[in-house]
């Protein structure tokens, strides 16, 4: 017998199993709670989402290019087209939030309507995103990041193209799960300071292609007594340049976002 949440989701999502089964699978997953679902959304909707993507050289993108990552992120939610806005409206809807809560056990989830750090993520040929744990607080809202949801948009993607999402052990030293970023595959995982993940396998797709996904983050308010030190991405320890990485991370954490954007813009023009 379907739950109330399953009943209201049947017109917008394709669930092949029960929410209880998905919840058990999510919570027991290793190395940390996560879930991978194929063909969860309408192919037609995602086709339209792909069609609306702007070229990566447009001013609507934020370019990240340093020792740890090379990728592009959507600059602002206001740049979404009709299909992108439709997808976000569903992902932020009460019925989808209830679905996520029943699966993950995390209640009173809140979306970010500004899509700060979310939206389209593009990794070009030769790009990567080293193993890391995510930023722990929303940029300016003071909310705690709890879940990451990624919808992959890559048709006819081959494993040899690289770009797999990798989930690593809690000490950040061993890869335990590898997820191919194929079209209409959705990955959901919990964000904590021990949940290391990344795209360290350099993207080797053919010229003219990129590794694309659509990302949404979910949050909760901080619990009474929580003492959290805000941080951006923290990268997994490595044998080379670990001290240098820590210094750069500290500088990044202490530098205002406006200054960081100005520096990146200057670097990109040189």
C-alpha atoms as a PDB file:
ATOM      1  CA  UNK A   1       0.000   0.000   0.000  1.00  0.00           C
ATOM      2  CA  UNK A   2       1.350   3.389  -1.008  1.00  0.00           C
ATOM      3  CA  UNK A   3       2.046   6.090   1.541  1.00  0.00           C
ATOM      4  CA  UNK A   4       0.500   9.543   1.229  1.00  0.00           C
ATOM      5  CA  UNK A   5       3.796  10.918  -0.064  1.00  0.00           C
ATOM      6  CA  UNK A   6       4.032   8.217  -2.738  1.00  0.00           C
ATOM      7  CA  UNK A   7       0.493   8.979  -3.895  1.00  0.00           C
ATOM      8  CA  UNK A   8       1.149  12.677  -4.535  1.00  0.00           C
ATOM      9  CA  UNK A   9       4.486  12.044  -6.288  1.00  0.00           C
ATOM     10  CA  UNK A  10       3.291   9.619  -8.950  1.00  0.00           C
ATOM     11  CA  UNK A  11       2.462  12.376 -11.453  1.00  0.00           C
ATOM     12  CA  UNK A  12       5.936  13.960 -11.327  1.00  0.00           C
ATOM     13  CA  UNK A  13       8.355  11.174 -10.350  1.00  0.00           C
ATOM     14  CA  UNK A  14       8.900   7.598 -11.405  1.00  0.00           C
ATOM     15  CA  UNK A  15       9.336   5.440  -8.295  1.00  0.00           C
ATOM     16  CA  UNK A  16       9.889   1.739  -8.950  1.00  0.00           C
ATOM     17  CA  UNK A  17       9.973   0.754  -5.282  1.00  0.00           C
ATOM     18  CA  UNK A  18       8.569   1.878  -1.959  1.00  0.00           C
ATOM     19  CA  UNK A  19       9.791   4.862   0.036  1.00  0.00           C
ATOM     20  CA  UNK A  20      10.447   2.530   2.981  1.00  0.00           C
ATOM     21  CA  UNK A  21      12.761   0.390   0.837  1.00  0.00           C
ATOM     22  CA  UNK A  22      14.580   3.516  -0.385  1.00  0.00           C
ATOM     23  CA  UNK A  23      14.909   4.731   3.194  1.00  0.00           C
ATOM     24  CA  UNK A  24      16.455   1.449   4.336  1.00  0.00           C
ATOM     25  CA  UNK A  25      18.828   1.500   1.370  1.00  0.00           C
ATOM     26  CA  UNK A  26      19.837   5.111   1.997  1.00  0.00           C
ATOM     27  CA  UNK A  27      20.461   4.772   5.716  1.00  0.00           C
ATOM     28  CA  UNK A  28      22.449   1.525   5.417  1.00  0.00           C
ATOM     29  CA  UNK A  29      24.603   2.700   2.496  1.00  0.00           C
ATOM     30  CA  UNK A  30      28.386   2.814   2.859  1.00  0.00           C
ATOM     31  CA  UNK A  31      30.646   4.728   3.317  1.00  0.00           C
ATOM     32  CA  UNK A  32      27.912   7.183   4.380  1.00  0.00           C
ATOM     33  CA  UNK A  33      24.161   7.575   3.757  1.00  0.00           C
ATOM     34  CA  UNK A  34      23.427   8.000   0.064  1.00  0.00           C
ATOM     35  CA  UNK A  35      21.053   6.865  -2.653  1.00  0.00           C
ATOM     36  CA  UNK A  36      21.331   6.527  -6.434  1.00  0.00           C
ATOM     37  CA  UNK A  37      18.132   6.485  -8.512  1.00  0.00           C
ATOM     38  CA  UNK A  38      17.802   6.100 -12.290  1.00  0.00           C
ATOM     39  CA  UNK A  39      15.043   7.684 -14.418  1.00  0.00           C
ATOM     40  CA  UNK A  40      13.489   9.419 -11.427  1.00  0.00           C
ATOM     41  CA  UNK A  41      12.384  12.412 -13.485  1.00  0.00           C
ATOM     42  CA  UNK A  42      10.818  12.972 -16.880  1.00  0.00           C
ATOM     43  CA  UNK A  43      13.293  12.576 -19.759  1.00  0.00           C
ATOM     44  CA  UNK A  44      11.399  15.285 -21.614  1.00  0.00           C
ATOM     45  CA  UNK A  45      11.784  17.782 -18.758  1.00  0.00           C
ATOM     46  CA  UNK A  46      15.511  17.099 -18.451  1.00  0.00           C
ATOM     47  CA  UNK A  47      15.917  17.406 -22.236  1.00  0.00           C
ATOM     48  CA  UNK A  48      14.444  20.900 -21.971  1.00  0.00           C
ATOM     49  CA  UNK A  49      16.665  21.698 -18.983  1.00  0.00           C
ATOM     50  CA  UNK A  50      19.709  20.744 -21.091  1.00  0.00           C
ATOM     51  CA  UNK A  51      18.485  22.812 -24.037  1.00  0.00           C
ATOM     52  CA  UNK A  52      18.320  25.934 -21.830  1.00  0.00           C
ATOM     53  CA  UNK A  53      21.934  25.755 -20.642  1.00  0.00           C
ATOM     54  CA  UNK A  54      23.971  28.779 -21.648  1.00  0.00           C
ATOM     55  CA  UNK A  55      27.457  28.377 -23.176  1.00  0.00           C
ATOM     56  CA  UNK A  56      30.066  28.090 -20.432  1.00  0.00           C
ATOM     57  CA  UNK A  57      31.853  31.239 -21.528  1.00  0.00           C
ATOM     58  CA  UNK A  58      28.851  33.454 -20.780  1.00  0.00           C
ATOM     59  CA  UNK A  59      28.931  35.936 -17.885  1.00  0.00           C
ATOM     60  CA  UNK A  60      26.172  33.895 -16.177  1.00  0.00           C
ATOM     61  CA  UNK A  61      28.758  31.369 -14.961  1.00  0.00           C
ATOM     62  CA  UNK A  62      31.188  31.349 -12.032  1.00  0.00           C
ATOM     63  CA  UNK A  63      34.505  29.820 -13.052  1.00  0.00           C
ATOM     64  CA  UNK A  64      36.483  27.770 -10.518  1.00  0.00           C
ATOM     65  CA  UNK A  65      40.036  27.054 -11.608  1.00  0.00           C
ATOM     66  CA  UNK A  66      42.674  26.237  -9.007  1.00  0.00           C
ATOM     67  CA  UNK A  67      44.754  23.310  -7.736  1.00  0.00           C
ATOM     68  CA  UNK A  68      41.661  21.423  -6.569  1.00  0.00           C
ATOM     69  CA  UNK A  69      38.950  22.065  -9.093  1.00  0.00           C
ATOM     70  CA  UNK A  70      38.167  23.186 -12.589  1.00  0.00           C
ATOM     71  CA  UNK A  71      34.484  23.654 -13.240  1.00  0.00           C
ATOM     72  CA  UNK A  72      31.727  26.188 -13.884  1.00  0.00           C
ATOM     73  CA  UNK A  73      28.672  26.892 -11.696  1.00  0.00           C
ATOM     74  CA  UNK A  74      25.516  28.804 -12.487  1.00  0.00           C
ATOM     75  CA  UNK A  75      25.923  32.355 -11.155  1.00  0.00           C
ATOM     76  CA  UNK A  76      22.299  33.062 -10.196  1.00  0.00           C
ATOM     77  CA  UNK A  77      18.921  31.341 -10.047  1.00  0.00           C
ATOM     78  CA  UNK A  78      17.436  34.254 -12.000  1.00  0.00           C
ATOM     79  CA  UNK A  79      19.285  32.936 -15.076  1.00  0.00           C
ATOM     80  CA  UNK A  80      17.224  29.740 -15.164  1.00  0.00           C
ATOM     81  CA  UNK A  81      14.908  29.190 -18.108  1.00  0.00           C
ATOM     82  CA  UNK A  82      11.342  27.900 -17.989  1.00  0.00           C
ATOM     83  CA  UNK A  83      12.257  24.212 -17.708  1.00  0.00           C
ATOM     84  CA  UNK A  84      14.949  24.858 -15.099  1.00  0.00           C
ATOM     85  CA  UNK A  85      12.515  26.905 -13.061  1.00  0.00           C
ATOM     86  CA  UNK A  86       9.921  24.126 -13.355  1.00  0.00           C
ATOM     87  CA  UNK A  87      12.437  21.548 -12.128  1.00  0.00           C
ATOM     88  CA  UNK A  88      13.516  23.710  -9.186  1.00  0.00           C
ATOM     89  CA  UNK A  89       9.906  24.453  -8.229  1.00  0.00           C
ATOM     90  CA  UNK A  90       9.288  20.714  -7.899  1.00  0.00           C
ATOM     91  CA  UNK A  91      12.557  20.005  -6.066  1.00  0.00           C
ATOM     92  CA  UNK A  92      11.662  22.780  -3.599  1.00  0.00           C
ATOM     93  CA  UNK A  93       8.009  21.757  -3.221  1.00  0.00           C
ATOM     94  CA  UNK A  94       6.547  20.530   0.063  1.00  0.00           C
ATOM     95  CA  UNK A  95       5.748  17.103  -1.375  1.00  0.00           C
ATOM     96  CA  UNK A  96       9.335  16.551  -2.527  1.00  0.00           C
ATOM     97  CA  UNK A  97      10.697  17.796   0.804  1.00  0.00           C
ATOM     98  CA  UNK A  98       8.468  15.280   2.590  1.00  0.00           C
ATOM     99  CA  UNK A  99       9.780  12.561   0.258  1.00  0.00           C
ATOM    100  CA  UNK A 100      13.379  13.468   1.111  1.00  0.00           C
ATOM    101  CA  UNK A 101      12.604  13.528   4.828  1.00  0.00           C
ATOM    102  CA  UNK A 102      10.968  10.098   4.759  1.00  0.00           C
ATOM    103  CA  UNK A 103      13.938   8.668   2.869  1.00  0.00           C
ATOM    104  CA  UNK A 104      16.728  10.309   4.870  1.00  0.00           C
ATOM    105  CA  UNK A 105      15.141  10.752   8.301  1.00  0.00           C
ATOM    106  CA  UNK A 106      16.085  14.444   8.261  1.00  0.00           C
ATOM    107  CA  UNK A 107      12.976  16.514   8.955  1.00  0.00           C
ATOM    108  CA  UNK A 108      12.062  20.177   8.522  1.00  0.00           C
ATOM    109  CA  UNK A 109      14.284  20.487   5.477  1.00  0.00           C
ATOM    110  CA  UNK A 110      14.469  23.867   3.771  1.00  0.00           C
ATOM    111  CA  UNK A 111      15.579  24.569   0.207  1.00  0.00           C
ATOM    112  CA  UNK A 112      17.620  27.528  -0.967  1.00  0.00           C
ATOM    113  CA  UNK A 113      15.572  29.529  -3.503  1.00  0.00           C
ATOM    114  CA  UNK A 114      18.713  31.455  -4.481  1.00  0.00           C
ATOM    115  CA  UNK A 115      20.563  28.241  -5.491  1.00  0.00           C
ATOM    116  CA  UNK A 116      23.768  29.515  -3.904  1.00  0.00           C
ATOM    117  CA  UNK A 117      26.523  27.251  -5.188  1.00  0.00           C
ATOM    118  CA  UNK A 118      23.869  25.086  -6.844  1.00  0.00           C
ATOM    119  CA  UNK A 119      22.060  24.973 -10.201  1.00  0.00           C
ATOM    120  CA  UNK A 120      23.996  23.845 -13.248  1.00  0.00           C
ATOM    121  CA  UNK A 121      27.503  22.471 -12.633  1.00  0.00           C
ATOM    122  CA  UNK A 122      29.733  21.966 -15.669  1.00  0.00           C
ATOM    123  CA  UNK A 123      33.125  20.227 -15.667  1.00  0.00           C
ATOM    124  CA  UNK A 124      34.908  20.701 -18.999  1.00  0.00           C
ATOM    125  CA  UNK A 125      37.283  18.269 -20.662  1.00  0.00           C
ATOM    126  CA  UNK A 126      40.389  18.145 -18.444  1.00  0.00           C
ATOM    127  CA  UNK A 127      38.460  19.348 -15.397  1.00  0.00           C
ATOM    128  CA  UNK A 128      37.980  17.740 -11.985  1.00  0.00           C
ATOM    129  CA  UNK A 129      36.876  18.407  -8.399  1.00  0.00           C
ATOM    130  CA  UNK A 130      39.193  16.856  -5.813  1.00  0.00           C
ATOM    131  CA  UNK A 131      37.858  14.766  -2.911  1.00  0.00           C
ATOM    132  CA  UNK A 132      36.398  17.042  -0.244  1.00  0.00           C
ATOM    133  CA  UNK A 133      33.626  17.623   2.273  1.00  0.00           C
ATOM    134  CA  UNK A 134      31.121  20.343   1.445  1.00  0.00           C
ATOM    135  CA  UNK A 135      30.645  23.802   2.847  1.00  0.00           C
ATOM    136  CA  UNK A 136      28.753  23.329   6.106  1.00  0.00           C
ATOM    137  CA  UNK A 137      26.604  26.490   6.135  1.00  0.00           C
ATOM    138  CA  UNK A 138      24.592  28.280   3.493  1.00  0.00           C
ATOM    139  CA  UNK A 139      26.453  31.312   2.160  1.00  0.00           C
ATOM    140  CA  UNK A 140      24.475  34.045   3.908  1.00  0.00           C
ATOM    141  CA  UNK A 141      21.358  32.442   5.399  1.00  0.00           C
ATOM    142  CA  UNK A 142      22.976  30.862   8.462  1.00  0.00           C
ATOM    143  CA  UNK A 143      21.336  27.503   7.701  1.00  0.00           C
ATOM    144  CA  UNK A 144      23.125  24.172   8.015  1.00  0.00           C
ATOM    145  CA  UNK A 145      23.655  22.224   4.778  1.00  0.00           C
ATOM    146  CA  UNK A 146      22.273  18.720   5.244  1.00  0.00           C
ATOM    147  CA  UNK A 147      21.686  17.122   1.846  1.00  0.00           C
ATOM    148  CA  UNK A 148      23.072  17.323  -1.658  1.00  0.00           C
ATOM    149  CA  UNK A 149      21.004  16.214  -4.668  1.00  0.00           C
ATOM    150  CA  UNK A 150      22.611  15.871  -8.099  1.00  0.00           C
ATOM    151  CA  UNK A 151      20.790  15.130 -11.358  1.00  0.00           C
ATOM    152  CA  UNK A 152      23.103  14.102 -14.195  1.00  0.00           C
ATOM    153  CA  UNK A 153      22.437  15.418 -17.698  1.00  0.00           C
ATOM    154  CA  UNK A 154      24.948  13.459 -19.823  1.00  0.00           C
ATOM    155  CA  UNK A 155      23.510  11.391 -22.659  1.00  0.00           C
ATOM    156  CA  UNK A 156      25.517   8.467 -24.043  1.00  0.00           C
ATOM    157  CA  UNK A 157      28.179   8.964 -21.389  1.00  0.00           C
ATOM    158  CA  UNK A 158      30.872   6.274 -21.350  1.00  0.00           C
ATOM    159  CA  UNK A 159      32.823   5.218 -18.257  1.00  0.00           C
ATOM    160  CA  UNK A 160      36.095   5.924 -20.020  1.00  0.00           C
ATOM    161  CA  UNK A 161      35.090   9.595 -20.189  1.00  0.00           C
ATOM    162  CA  UNK A 162      35.763   9.778 -16.435  1.00  0.00           C
ATOM    163  CA  UNK A 163      33.917  12.297 -14.284  1.00  0.00           C
ATOM    164  CA  UNK A 164      32.542   9.709 -11.856  1.00  0.00           C
ATOM    165  CA  UNK A 165      31.207  10.911  -8.512  1.00  0.00           C
ATOM    166  CA  UNK A 166      33.325   9.112  -5.920  1.00  0.00           C
ATOM    167  CA  UNK A 167      32.380   8.551  -2.288  1.00  0.00           C
ATOM    168  CA  UNK A 168      35.351   8.082   0.032  1.00  0.00           C
ATOM    169  CA  UNK A 169      36.000   6.731   3.499  1.00  0.00           C
ATOM    170  CA  UNK A 170      35.505   8.990   6.512  1.00  0.00           C
ATOM    171  CA  UNK A 171      39.264   9.592   6.779  1.00  0.00           C
ATOM    172  CA  UNK A 172      39.361  10.711   3.145  1.00  0.00           C
ATOM    173  CA  UNK A 173      41.952   8.107   2.158  1.00  0.00           C
ATOM    174  CA  UNK A 174      40.072   5.377   0.281  1.00  0.00           C
ATOM    175  CA  UNK A 175      37.514   5.395  -2.529  1.00  0.00           C
ATOM    176  CA  UNK A 176      34.565   3.139  -1.731  1.00  0.00           C
ATOM    177  CA  UNK A 177      31.867   3.996  -4.305  1.00  0.00           C
ATOM    178  CA  UNK A 178      32.058   5.230  -7.896  1.00  0.00           C
ATOM    179  CA  UNK A 179      28.947   6.566  -9.686  1.00  0.00           C
ATOM    180  CA  UNK A 180      28.846   7.130 -13.450  1.00  0.00           C
ATOM    181  CA  UNK A 181      27.212  10.498 -14.304  1.00  0.00           C
ATOM    182  CA  UNK A 182      24.737   9.132 -16.876  1.00  0.00           C
ATOM    183  CA  UNK A 183      21.608  10.919 -18.065  1.00  0.00           C
ATOM    184  CA  UNK A 184      18.669  11.046 -15.619  1.00  0.00           C
ATOM    185  CA  UNK A 185      20.622   9.492 -12.760  1.00  0.00           C
ATOM    186  CA  UNK A 186      20.043  11.161  -9.391  1.00  0.00           C
ATOM    187  CA  UNK A 187      22.431  10.944  -6.450  1.00  0.00           C
ATOM    188  CA  UNK A 188      21.405  12.041  -2.950  1.00  0.00           C
ATOM    189  CA  UNK A 189      23.809  12.091  -0.022  1.00  0.00           C
ATOM    190  CA  UNK A 190      24.154  13.525   3.451  1.00  0.00           C
ATOM    191  CA  UNK A 191      26.523  16.437   4.040  1.00  0.00           C
ATOM    192  CA  UNK A 192      28.765  16.234   7.111  1.00  0.00           C
ATOM    193  CA  UNK A 193      32.396  17.052   7.864  1.00  0.00           C
ATOM    194  CA  UNK A 194      33.273  13.353   7.429  1.00  0.00           C
ATOM    195  CA  UNK A 195      31.449  12.628   4.165  1.00  0.00           C
ATOM    196  CA  UNK A 196      34.265  12.919   1.628  1.00  0.00           C
ATOM    197  CA  UNK A 197      33.330  12.867  -2.041  1.00  0.00           C
ATOM    198  CA  UNK A 198      34.432  14.409  -5.316  1.00  0.00           C
ATOM    199  CA  UNK A 199      35.177  14.033  -9.004  1.00  0.00           C
ATOM    200  CA  UNK A 200      38.936  13.389  -8.884  1.00  0.00           C
ATOM    201  CA  UNK A 201      38.910  11.348 -12.093  1.00  0.00           C
ATOM    202  CA  UNK A 202      39.785  13.931 -14.739  1.00  0.00           C
ATOM    203  CA  UNK A 203      37.070  14.329 -17.349  1.00  0.00           C
ATOM    204  CA  UNK A 204      38.255  12.850 -20.662  1.00  0.00           C
ATOM    205  CA  UNK A 205      35.153  13.299 -22.800  1.00  0.00           C
ATOM    206  CA  UNK A 206      35.497  14.139 -26.502  1.00  0.00           C
ATOM    207  CA  UNK A 207      36.164  17.715 -27.587  1.00  0.00           C
ATOM    208  CA  UNK A 208      33.007  19.792 -27.557  1.00  0.00           C
ATOM    209  CA  UNK A 209      31.424  17.872 -24.666  1.00  0.00           C
ATOM    210  CA  UNK A 210      31.276  18.575 -20.925  1.00  0.00           C
ATOM    211  CA  UNK A 211      30.227  16.662 -17.815  1.00  0.00           C
ATOM    212  CA  UNK A 212      26.981  18.316 -16.705  1.00  0.00           C
ATOM    213  CA  UNK A 213      24.664  18.029 -13.721  1.00  0.00           C
ATOM    214  CA  UNK A 214      22.020  20.018 -11.873  1.00  0.00           C
ATOM    215  CA  UNK A 215      22.602  20.432  -8.137  1.00  0.00           C
ATOM    216  CA  UNK A 216      20.285  21.386  -5.268  1.00  0.00           C
ATOM    217  CA  UNK A 217      21.188  21.699  -1.582  1.00  0.00           C
ATOM    218  CA  UNK A 218      18.835  21.260   1.362  1.00  0.00           C
ATOM    219  CA  UNK A 219      19.226  22.757   4.832  1.00  0.00           C
ATOM    220  CA  UNK A 220      17.940  22.815   8.380  1.00  0.00           C
ATOM    221  CA  UNK A 221      18.268  25.364  11.145  1.00  0.00           C
ATOM    222  CA  UNK A 222      21.095  24.780  13.600  1.00  0.00           C
ATOM    223  CA  UNK A 223      20.038  22.836  16.670  1.00  0.00           C
ATOM    224  CA  UNK A 224      20.304  24.484  20.108  1.00  0.00           C
ATOM    225  CA  UNK A 225      23.827  24.041  21.416  1.00  0.00           C
ATOM    226  CA  UNK A 226      25.360  23.418  17.989  1.00  0.00           C
ATOM    227  CA  UNK A 227      28.757  25.076  17.736  1.00  0.00           C
ATOM    228  CA  UNK A 228      29.799  25.090  14.099  1.00  0.00           C
ATOM    229  CA  UNK A 229      32.796  26.848  12.630  1.00  0.00           C
ATOM    230  CA  UNK A 230      31.807  27.969   9.125  1.00  0.00           C
ATOM    231  CA  UNK A 231      33.993  26.572   6.362  1.00  0.00           C
ATOM    232  CA  UNK A 232      34.041  26.144   2.610  1.00  0.00           C
ATOM    233  CA  UNK A 233      35.105  22.876   0.970  1.00  0.00           C
ATOM    234  CA  UNK A 234      37.700  20.951   3.003  1.00  0.00           C
ATOM    235  CA  UNK A 235      39.863  18.696   0.858  1.00  0.00           C
ATOM    236  CA  UNK A 236      40.962  15.201   1.740  1.00  0.00           C
ATOM    237  CA  UNK A 237      44.508  14.812   3.103  1.00  0.00           C
ATOM    238  CA  UNK A 238      47.181  13.972   0.565  1.00  0.00           C
ATOM    239  CA  UNK A 239      50.883  13.207   0.692  1.00  0.00           C
ATOM    240  CA  UNK A 240      51.802  16.219  -1.415  1.00  0.00           C
ATOM    241  CA  UNK A 241      51.152  19.839  -0.662  1.00  0.00           C
ATOM    242  CA  UNK A 242      48.909  19.219   2.343  1.00  0.00           C
ATOM    243  CA  UNK A 243      50.292  22.180   4.306  1.00  0.00           C
ATOM    244  CA  UNK A 244      50.013  24.411   1.258  1.00  0.00           C
ATOM    245  CA  UNK A 245      46.394  23.344   0.770  1.00  0.00           C
ATOM    246  CA  UNK A 246      45.559  24.128   4.383  1.00  0.00           C
ATOM    247  CA  UNK A 247      47.062  27.602   4.112  1.00  0.00           C
ATOM    248  CA  UNK A 248      45.182  28.293   0.900  1.00  0.00           C
ATOM    249  CA  UNK A 249      41.967  27.014   2.450  1.00  0.00           C
ATOM    250  CA  UNK A 250      42.418  29.297   5.461  1.00  0.00           C
ATOM    251  CA  UNK A 251      43.005  32.292   3.194  1.00  0.00           C
ATOM    252  CA  UNK A 252      39.911  31.357   1.182  1.00  0.00           C
ATOM    253  CA  UNK A 253      37.794  31.036   4.323  1.00  0.00           C
ATOM    254  CA  UNK A 254      38.916  34.450   5.584  1.00  0.00           C
ATOM    255  CA  UNK A 255      38.644  36.332   2.281  1.00  0.00           C
ATOM    256  CA  UNK A 256      35.320  38.072   1.510  1.00  0.00           C
ATOM    257  CA  UNK A 257      33.469  36.500  -1.483  1.00  0.00           C
ATOM    258  CA  UNK A 258      33.579  39.834  -3.366  1.00  0.00           C
ATOM    259  CA  UNK A 259      37.388  39.862  -3.239  1.00  0.00           C
ATOM    260  CA  UNK A 260      37.592  36.199  -4.312  1.00  0.00           C
ATOM    261  CA  UNK A 261      35.376  36.885  -7.341  1.00  0.00           C
ATOM    262  CA  UNK A 262      37.559  39.851  -8.336  1.00  0.00           C
ATOM    263  CA  UNK A 263      40.736  37.727  -8.106  1.00  0.00           C
ATOM    264  CA  UNK A 264      39.190  34.908 -10.181  1.00  0.00           C
ATOM    265  CA  UNK A 265      38.031  37.402 -12.806  1.00  0.00           C
ATOM    266  CA  UNK A 266      41.550  38.879 -12.998  1.00  0.00           C
ATOM    267  CA  UNK A 267      43.100  35.386 -13.352  1.00  0.00           C
ATOM    268  CA  UNK A 268      40.651  34.415 -16.104  1.00  0.00           C
ATOM    269  CA  UNK A 269      41.605  37.478 -18.191  1.00  0.00           C
ATOM    270  CA  UNK A 270      45.349  36.824 -17.970  1.00  0.00           C
END
